[in-house]
Amino acid sequence: MTQVLPAVVVEYLDASNRHDVERYARTFSNNGRIEEDSLGWDLVGKKEIVDYFVTYFVGTNTHTDIIEFIVNDVVVDMRVLFKGDFAGNEVIGLYKFFLNNGLIEKLKCDLEQ
């Protein structure tokens, strides 16, 4: 059975790859958060999320490609390949999206060890 990504996750990835800050921010709920385990950060609210995105994605010209994903109701687990202007130029990342009312309530991020 082929799984389909929820629309908000598709929008998140497209906005991220286009470095579209406004569209990226709109994929999160008003009290959305990013738990960025690889940096040890917990980003709460759209301002902190946007600042992180501008620094770590726009600023390093990062592009994200899906390797694999599993959708389990309102949780999406995903492995991705980040490519950009950073040390090593590519790294495998782990995303866990927690969705609520068609928006991202929480996004757990880490780098594959």
Protein backbone atom coordinates (compact mmCIF):
# COMPACT_ATOMS: atom_id res chain seq x y z
CA MET A 1 0.00 0.00 0.00
CA THR A 2 1.41 3.38 -1.01
CA GLN A 3 1.27 6.07 1.62
CA VAL A 4 0.52 9.69 0.83
CA LEU A 5 2.12 12.56 2.71
CA PRO A 6 -0.30 14.96 4.41
CA ALA A 7 -0.68 18.22 2.47
CA VAL A 8 0.98 20.33 5.19
CA VAL A 9 4.14 18.18 5.08
CA VAL A 10 4.28 18.52 1.28
CA GLU A 11 3.85 22.30 1.70
CA TYR A 12 6.55 22.39 4.42
CA LEU A 13 9.08 20.64 2.17
CA ASP A 14 8.23 22.76 -0.88
CA ALA A 15 8.42 26.03 1.07
CA SER A 16 11.68 24.89 2.69
CA ASN A 17 13.28 23.99 -0.64
CA ARG A 18 12.16 27.30 -2.19
CA HIS A 19 13.41 29.17 0.92
CA ASP A 20 9.97 30.80 1.14
CA VAL A 21 9.96 32.09 4.72
CA GLU A 22 6.27 33.12 4.85
CA ARG A 23 4.99 29.83 3.41
CA TYR A 24 7.31 27.88 5.70
CA ALA A 25 6.00 29.74 8.77
CA ARG A 26 2.37 29.10 7.75
CA THR A 27 2.85 25.33 7.96
CA PHE A 28 3.17 25.61 11.76
CA SER A 29 0.38 26.23 14.25
CA ASN A 30 0.56 29.51 16.17
CA ASN A 31 2.15 27.75 19.15
CA GLY A 32 4.14 25.33 17.01
CA ARG A 33 7.53 24.16 18.11
CA ILE A 34 10.67 22.57 16.74
CA GLU A 35 12.66 20.27 19.00
CA GLU A 36 16.06 20.41 17.30
CA ASP A 37 17.94 17.58 19.01
CA SER A 38 21.12 17.91 16.93
CA LEU A 39 21.57 21.46 18.28
CA GLY A 40 19.95 20.90 21.67
CA TRP A 41 17.36 23.60 20.97
CA ASP A 42 13.64 23.84 21.66
CA LEU A 43 12.17 26.54 19.41
CA VAL A 44 8.71 27.78 20.35
CA GLY A 45 6.51 30.07 18.29
CA LYS A 46 6.79 31.35 14.76
CA LYS A 47 9.51 33.95 15.40
CA GLU A 48 11.98 31.41 16.80
CA ILE A 49 11.04 28.91 14.08
CA VAL A 50 11.55 31.49 11.31
CA ASP A 51 14.88 32.65 12.77
CA TYR A 52 16.09 29.03 12.82
CA PHE A 53 14.88 28.44 9.23
CA VAL A 54 16.58 31.58 7.91
CA THR A 55 19.87 30.70 9.62
CA TYR A 56 20.05 26.95 8.99
CA PHE A 57 18.22 26.55 5.67
CA VAL A 58 18.14 29.82 3.75
CA GLY A 59 21.58 30.90 4.99
CA THR A 60 23.20 27.62 3.97
CA ASN A 61 21.20 27.18 0.74
CA THR A 62 19.91 23.84 2.07
CA HIS A 63 17.73 21.57 -0.06
CA THR A 64 15.85 18.62 1.44
CA ASP A 65 15.13 15.36 -0.40
CA ILE A 66 12.92 12.62 1.06
CA ILE A 67 14.62 9.25 1.48
CA GLU A 68 11.67 7.44 3.08
CA PHE A 69 8.65 8.13 5.26
CA ILE A 70 5.89 6.44 7.24
CA VAL A 71 2.54 8.09 7.97
CA ASN A 72 0.76 6.95 11.12
CA ASP A 73 -2.43 9.03 11.46
CA VAL A 74 -1.20 12.48 12.60
CA VAL A 75 2.48 11.53 12.97
CA VAL A 76 4.91 11.38 10.05
CA ASP A 77 8.36 9.84 10.49
CA MET A 78 10.79 10.75 7.73
CA ARG A 79 14.44 10.28 6.73
CA VAL A 80 15.77 13.05 4.52
CA LEU A 81 18.95 14.07 2.77
CA PHE A 82 20.01 17.66 3.42
CA LYS A 83 22.31 19.15 0.77
CA GLY A 84 23.75 22.63 1.07
CA ASP A 85 26.60 25.01 1.79
CA PHE A 86 27.64 23.51 5.13
CA ALA A 87 30.46 21.22 6.32
CA GLY A 88 30.37 18.01 4.29
CA ASN A 89 27.70 19.43 1.94
CA GLU A 90 25.21 16.68 2.76
CA VAL A 91 23.89 14.87 5.81
CA ILE A 92 21.00 12.55 6.60
CA GLY A 93 18.33 14.02 8.84
CA LEU A 94 15.42 12.59 10.80
CA TYR A 95 12.07 14.37 10.99
CA LYS A 96 9.07 13.49 13.12
CA PHE A 97 6.07 15.69 12.33
CA PHE A 98 3.19 15.89 14.82
CA LEU A 99 0.12 17.32 13.08
CA ASN A 100 -2.99 18.99 14.46
CA ASN A 101 -5.84 20.52 12.44
CA GLY A 102 -3.82 20.39 9.23
CA LEU A 103 -0.79 22.21 10.68
CA ILE A 104 2.50 21.18 12.25
CA GLU A 105 2.12 21.31 16.03
CA LYS A 106 5.60 19.93 16.72
CA LEU A 107 8.56 18.90 14.60
CA LYS A 108 11.33 16.80 16.13
CA CYS A 109 14.58 17.04 14.16
CA ASP A 110 17.84 15.22 14.50
CA LEU A 111 20.78 14.08 12.41
CA GLU A 112 21.31 10.40 11.75
CA GLN A 113 24.36 9.15 13.64
